[in-house]
N, C-alpha and C. Protein backbone atom coordinates (compact mmCIF):
# COMPACT_ATOMS: atom_id res chain seq x y z
N MET A 1 6.00 13.79 3.76
CA MET A 1 5.58 13.92 2.22
C MET A 1 4.20 13.56 2.13
N THR A 2 3.29 14.41 1.59
CA THR A 2 1.76 14.30 1.54
C THR A 2 1.65 13.33 0.27
N VAL A 3 0.69 12.83 -0.04
CA VAL A 3 0.07 12.25 -1.41
C VAL A 3 0.13 13.33 -2.38
N GLU A 4 -0.35 14.58 -1.99
CA GLU A 4 -0.49 15.62 -3.07
C GLU A 4 0.72 16.09 -3.64
N ASN A 5 1.82 16.02 -3.14
CA ASN A 5 3.06 16.27 -3.46
C ASN A 5 4.21 15.25 -3.74
N CYS A 6 3.78 14.22 -3.77
CA CYS A 6 4.48 13.10 -4.00
C CYS A 6 4.68 12.61 -5.26
N PRO A 7 6.18 12.82 -6.23
CA PRO A 7 6.26 12.46 -7.47
C PRO A 7 5.81 11.13 -7.85
N THR A 8 5.38 10.54 -8.82
CA THR A 8 5.06 9.27 -9.16
C THR A 8 5.99 9.13 -10.69
N PRO A 9 6.47 8.12 -10.82
CA PRO A 9 7.08 7.72 -12.22
C PRO A 9 6.10 7.71 -13.34
N SER A 10 5.05 7.05 -12.95
CA SER A 10 4.04 6.87 -14.10
C SER A 10 3.13 7.95 -14.43
N GLY A 11 3.23 9.11 -13.60
CA GLY A 11 2.65 10.27 -13.78
C GLY A 11 1.00 10.11 -14.12
N ILE A 12 0.39 9.10 -13.64
CA ILE A 12 -0.79 8.77 -13.92
C ILE A 12 -1.76 9.61 -12.88
N SER A 13 -2.77 10.47 -13.63
CA SER A 13 -3.56 11.38 -12.63
C SER A 13 -4.66 10.57 -12.26
N ALA A 14 -5.14 10.62 -10.85
CA ALA A 14 -6.50 10.01 -10.65
C ALA A 14 -7.42 11.13 -9.82
N TYR A 15 -8.33 10.77 -9.01
CA TYR A 15 -9.32 11.50 -8.57
C TYR A 15 -8.74 12.54 -7.75
N LYS A 16 -9.18 13.96 -8.21
CA LYS A 16 -9.04 15.09 -7.56
C LYS A 16 -7.58 15.60 -7.41
N GLY A 17 -6.73 14.83 -8.58
CA GLY A 17 -5.28 15.58 -8.83
C GLY A 17 -4.38 14.48 -7.96
N ILE A 18 -4.66 13.54 -7.46
CA ILE A 18 -3.72 12.74 -6.37
C ILE A 18 -3.42 11.85 -7.50
N GLU A 19 -2.10 11.56 -7.73
CA GLU A 19 -1.73 10.61 -8.65
C GLU A 19 -1.50 9.20 -8.07
N MET A 20 -1.57 8.42 -8.92
CA MET A 20 -1.34 6.82 -8.29
C MET A 20 -0.10 6.22 -9.09
N THR A 21 0.68 5.46 -8.04
CA THR A 21 1.72 4.74 -8.43
C THR A 21 1.44 3.58 -9.40
N SER A 22 2.36 3.02 -10.03
CA SER A 22 1.92 1.66 -10.94
C SER A 22 1.60 0.48 -9.95
N ASP A 23 2.16 0.63 -8.96
CA ASP A 23 1.92 -0.56 -7.72
C ASP A 23 0.60 -0.62 -7.26
N GLN A 24 -0.10 0.83 -6.97
CA GLN A 24 -1.47 0.79 -6.54
C GLN A 24 -2.37 0.56 -7.69
N ILE A 25 -2.18 0.78 -9.09
CA ILE A 25 -2.95 0.67 -10.31
C ILE A 25 -2.87 -0.90 -10.36
N THR A 26 -1.63 -1.62 -10.30
CA THR A 26 -1.74 -2.85 -10.71
C THR A 26 -2.46 -3.69 -9.53
N GLY A 27 -2.30 -3.23 -8.18
CA GLY A 27 -3.21 -3.75 -7.20
C GLY A 27 -4.56 -3.55 -7.23
N ILE A 28 -5.24 -2.54 -7.72
CA ILE A 28 -6.54 -2.26 -8.11
C ILE A 28 -6.76 -3.22 -9.24
N ILE A 29 -6.22 -3.29 -10.32
CA ILE A 29 -6.43 -4.40 -11.40
C ILE A 29 -6.56 -5.83 -10.83
N ARG A 30 -5.65 -6.14 -10.11
CA ARG A 30 -5.62 -7.59 -9.56
C ARG A 30 -7.02 -7.69 -8.62
N ALA A 31 -7.49 -6.81 -7.94
CA ALA A 31 -8.53 -6.81 -7.01
C ALA A 31 -9.71 -6.79 -7.97
N ILE A 32 -9.69 -6.36 -9.28
CA ILE A 32 -11.02 -6.22 -10.03
C ILE A 32 -11.02 -7.65 -10.63
N LEU A 33 -9.97 -8.26 -11.21
CA LEU A 33 -9.80 -9.43 -11.80
C LEU A 33 -10.31 -10.59 -10.97
N ALA A 34 -9.85 -10.41 -9.57
CA ALA A 34 -10.34 -11.33 -8.65
C ALA A 34 -11.81 -11.41 -8.51
N ALA A 35 -12.20 -10.25 -8.33
CA ALA A 35 -13.96 -10.08 -8.24
C ALA A 35 -14.59 -10.58 -9.27
N ILE A 36 -14.06 -10.24 -10.44
CA ILE A 36 -14.71 -10.76 -11.78
C ILE A 36 -14.51 -12.20 -11.80
N GLY A 37 -13.46 -12.70 -11.57
CA GLY A 37 -13.17 -14.22 -11.70
C GLY A 37 -14.20 -14.81 -10.76
N GLY A 38 -14.25 -14.34 -9.50
CA GLY A 38 -15.22 -15.02 -8.40
C GLY A 38 -16.65 -15.35 -8.95
N PHE A 39 -17.04 -14.05 -9.61
CA PHE A 39 -18.39 -13.91 -10.09
C PHE A 39 -18.61 -14.93 -11.26
N VAL A 40 -17.68 -14.96 -12.28
CA VAL A 40 -17.70 -15.84 -13.43
C VAL A 40 -17.71 -17.13 -12.97
N LEU A 41 -16.88 -17.53 -12.03
CA LEU A 41 -16.81 -19.16 -11.66
C LEU A 41 -17.80 -19.49 -10.94
N ALA A 42 -18.54 -18.52 -10.18
CA ALA A 42 -19.83 -18.69 -9.32
C ALA A 42 -20.88 -19.01 -10.33
N LYS A 43 -21.03 -18.06 -11.19
CA LYS A 43 -22.11 -18.30 -12.19
C LYS A 43 -21.81 -19.63 -13.34
N GLY A 44 -20.75 -20.28 -13.21
CA GLY A 44 -20.40 -21.44 -13.91
C GLY A 44 -20.14 -21.21 -15.29
N TRP A 45 -20.09 -19.84 -15.81
CA TRP A 45 -19.67 -19.67 -17.22
C TRP A 45 -18.51 -20.05 -17.92
N VAL A 46 -17.22 -20.24 -16.90
CA VAL A 46 -16.13 -20.86 -17.34
C VAL A 46 -15.56 -21.78 -16.22
N SER A 47 -14.80 -22.58 -16.29
CA SER A 47 -14.29 -23.41 -15.64
C SER A 47 -12.90 -22.82 -14.77
N SER A 48 -12.25 -23.29 -13.61
CA SER A 48 -11.35 -22.63 -13.19
C SER A 48 -10.12 -22.81 -13.92
N GLU A 49 -9.94 -23.82 -14.85
CA GLU A 49 -8.82 -23.87 -15.53
C GLU A 49 -8.86 -22.93 -16.95
N THR A 50 -10.23 -22.48 -17.33
CA THR A 50 -10.23 -21.67 -18.13
C THR A 50 -9.75 -20.11 -17.52
N TRP A 51 -10.46 -19.88 -16.55
CA TRP A 51 -10.14 -18.66 -16.02
C TRP A 51 -8.77 -18.35 -15.76
N ALA A 52 -7.98 -19.43 -15.47
CA ALA A 52 -6.61 -19.43 -15.28
C ALA A 52 -5.77 -19.08 -16.58
N TRP A 53 -6.16 -19.57 -17.50
CA TRP A 53 -5.62 -19.07 -18.76
C TRP A 53 -5.84 -17.56 -19.22
N ILE A 54 -7.09 -17.40 -18.89
CA ILE A 54 -7.60 -15.88 -19.39
C ILE A 54 -6.70 -14.79 -18.52
N VAL A 55 -6.59 -15.10 -17.03
CA VAL A 55 -5.88 -14.45 -16.30
C VAL A 55 -4.29 -14.37 -16.58
N GLY A 56 -3.83 -15.43 -16.92
CA GLY A 56 -2.61 -15.74 -17.20
C GLY A 56 -2.18 -15.03 -18.33
N GLY A 57 -2.97 -15.07 -19.54
CA GLY A 57 -2.78 -14.08 -20.64
C GLY A 57 -2.84 -12.69 -20.47
N ALA A 58 -3.91 -12.21 -19.66
CA ALA A 58 -3.67 -10.79 -19.20
C ALA A 58 -2.64 -10.37 -18.26
N ALA A 59 -2.11 -11.35 -17.60
CA ALA A 59 -0.96 -11.07 -16.93
C ALA A 59 0.26 -11.05 -17.72
N THR A 60 0.24 -11.51 -19.14
CA THR A 60 1.44 -11.60 -19.71
C THR A 60 1.27 -10.36 -20.76
N ILE A 61 -0.04 -10.10 -21.30
CA ILE A 61 -0.21 -9.22 -22.17
C ILE A 61 -0.05 -7.76 -21.49
N GLY A 62 -0.72 -7.67 -20.52
CA GLY A 62 -0.95 -6.38 -19.67
C GLY A 62 0.51 -5.64 -19.14
N PRO A 63 1.47 -6.20 -18.79
CA PRO A 63 2.80 -5.38 -18.39
C PRO A 63 3.46 -4.77 -19.44
N ALA A 64 3.35 -5.62 -20.89
CA ALA A 64 3.94 -5.53 -22.23
C ALA A 64 3.27 -4.09 -22.62
N ILE A 65 1.86 -3.88 -22.50
CA ILE A 65 0.88 -2.85 -23.03
C ILE A 65 1.55 -1.62 -22.13
N TRP A 66 1.64 -2.02 -20.81
CA TRP A 66 2.05 -0.80 -19.80
C TRP A 66 3.50 -0.39 -20.18
N SER A 67 4.39 -1.06 -20.23
CA SER A 67 5.62 -0.84 -20.64
C SER A 67 5.74 0.04 -21.87
N TRP A 68 5.19 -0.52 -22.79
CA TRP A 68 5.32 0.35 -24.20
C TRP A 68 4.48 1.55 -23.94
N VAL A 69 3.54 1.70 -23.13
CA VAL A 69 2.90 3.09 -23.21
C VAL A 69 3.91 4.05 -22.30
N SER A 70 3.98 3.34 -21.16
CA SER A 70 4.91 4.56 -20.24
C SER A 70 6.34 4.53 -20.61
N ASN A 71 7.01 3.86 -21.68
CA ASN A 71 8.42 4.08 -22.04
C ASN A 71 8.27 5.00 -23.26
N ARG A 72 7.15 5.47 -23.79
CA ARG A 72 7.37 6.22 -24.93
C ARG A 72 8.16 7.53 -24.69
N PRO A 73 8.69 8.28 -25.52
CA PRO A 73 9.39 9.32 -25.22
C PRO A 73 8.46 10.54 -24.53
N ALA A 74 7.50 10.52 -24.87
CA ALA A 74 6.41 11.48 -24.43
C ALA A 74 6.16 11.43 -22.83
N ALA A 75 5.93 10.10 -22.67
CA ALA A 75 5.70 9.73 -21.31
C ALA A 75 6.70 9.84 -20.28
N ILE A 76 8.14 9.52 -20.97
CA ILE A 76 9.41 9.59 -20.14
C ILE A 76 9.71 11.19 -19.89
N ALA A 77 9.36 11.99 -20.89
CA ALA A 77 9.85 13.68 -20.85
C ALA A 77 8.73 14.03 -19.73
N ALA A 78 7.38 13.46 -19.70
CA ALA A 78 6.46 13.90 -18.72
C ALA A 78 6.65 13.43 -17.23
N SER A 79 7.26 12.37 -17.32
CA SER A 79 7.69 11.92 -15.86
C SER A 79 8.61 12.94 -15.40
N ALA A 80 9.70 12.96 -16.38
CA ALA A 80 10.75 13.74 -15.75
C ALA A 80 10.38 15.41 -15.31
N GLN A 81 9.52 15.80 -16.29
CA GLN A 81 8.86 17.15 -15.95
C GLN A 81 8.22 17.18 -14.55
N ALA A 82 8.01 16.05 -14.15
CA ALA A 82 7.00 16.20 -12.82
C ALA A 82 7.82 16.30 -11.81
N LEU A 83 9.37 15.79 -12.03
CA LEU A 83 10.08 15.93 -10.69
C LEU A 83 10.42 17.28 -10.48
N PRO A 84 10.58 17.69 -9.11
CA PRO A 84 10.81 19.02 -8.62
C PRO A 84 12.13 19.47 -9.16
N GLY A 85 12.11 20.65 -9.66
CA GLY A 85 13.49 21.25 -10.25
C GLY A 85 13.96 20.95 -11.53
N VAL A 86 13.16 19.98 -12.07
CA VAL A 86 13.33 19.81 -13.38
C VAL A 86 12.70 20.20 -14.45
N ASN A 87 13.43 20.78 -15.69
CA ASN A 87 12.92 21.56 -16.72
C ASN A 87 13.30 20.68 -18.01
N VAL A 88 12.37 20.20 -18.71
CA VAL A 88 12.41 19.40 -19.90
C VAL A 88 12.30 20.23 -21.07
N GLN A 89 13.32 20.21 -21.76
CA GLN A 89 13.05 20.94 -23.15
C GLN A 89 13.20 19.89 -24.16
N THR A 90 12.39 20.10 -25.22
CA THR A 90 12.50 19.04 -26.31
C THR A 90 12.39 19.62 -27.67
N THR A 91 13.23 19.18 -28.63
CA THR A 91 13.39 19.74 -29.96
C THR A 91 12.97 18.91 -30.96
N ALA A 92 12.43 19.12 -32.06
CA ALA A 92 12.08 18.02 -33.11
C ALA A 92 13.35 17.93 -33.73
N ALA A 93 13.71 16.61 -34.26
CA ALA A 93 14.81 16.11 -34.63
C ALA A 93 14.31 15.97 -36.29
N ALA A 94 15.18 16.68 -37.21
CA ALA A 94 15.01 16.51 -38.82
C ALA A 94 15.52 15.29 -39.25
N GLY A 95 15.08 14.66 -40.40
CA GLY A 95 15.60 13.90 -40.94
C GLY A 95 16.73 14.02 -41.80
N PRO A 96 17.53 13.23 -42.39
CA PRO A 96 18.51 13.42 -43.29
C PRO A 96 18.07 14.19 -44.50
N ALA A 97 16.93 14.22 -45.14
CA ALA A 97 16.46 14.70 -46.15
C ALA A 97 16.19 16.13 -46.06
N VAL A 98 15.53 16.30 -44.86
CA VAL A 98 15.19 17.57 -44.48
C VAL A 98 16.28 18.52 -44.31
N ILE A 99 17.74 18.08 -43.73
CA ILE A 99 18.95 18.76 -43.23
C ILE A 99 19.35 19.37 -44.66
N THR A 100 19.31 18.08 -45.48
CA THR A 100 19.93 18.49 -46.94
C THR A 100 19.14 19.20 -47.45
N ALA A 101 17.84 19.35 -47.79
CA ALA A 101 17.02 20.37 -48.47
C ALA A 101 17.07 21.44 -47.76
N VAL A 102 17.39 22.05 -46.30
CA VAL A 102 17.42 23.34 -45.77
C VAL A 102 18.73 23.69 -46.29
N SER A 103 20.08 22.96 -46.10
CA SER A 103 21.30 23.29 -46.47
C SER A 103 21.42 23.75 -48.18
N ASP A 104 20.78 22.97 -48.84
CA ASP A 104 20.66 23.41 -50.28
C ASP A 104 19.85 24.86 -50.59
N ALA A 105 18.98 24.92 -49.70
CA ALA A 105 18.18 26.20 -49.87
C ALA A 105 18.99 27.31 -49.43
N LYS A 106 19.82 27.01 -48.33
CA LYS A 106 20.40 28.27 -47.70
C LYS A 106 21.63 28.71 -48.88
N SER A 107 22.07 27.46 -49.11
CA SER A 107 23.32 27.92 -50.28
C SER A 107 22.96 28.22 -51.81
N GLY A 108 21.55 28.34 -51.92
CA GLY A 108 20.99 28.70 -53.36
C GLY A 108 21.26 27.65 -54.35
N ALA A 109 21.57 26.55 -54.05
CA ALA A 109 21.37 25.33 -54.93
C ALA A 109 20.27 24.90 -55.70
């Protein structure tokens, strides 16, 4: 299986149509944070304890945001649609007030 036809659950497009997995993306983010941390600590802008708090906060908030975005109904449908042989069909759900209005209009009430 090549990278080009490998399905990914996250469905995130990358350079030249190659899709990246969430493990690859988090690895890149960790490397970037390490580089930024080394630079900031070397400049003396923050202490190592402060940087640990910053990275700890990002490590807590980041996955929560990622989970919220990737588990939205549209993202789930897109991930399923990306699988070979899967055809996702969606319909709009009407609320009770709309259903009542339509049924009243049909009955002539």
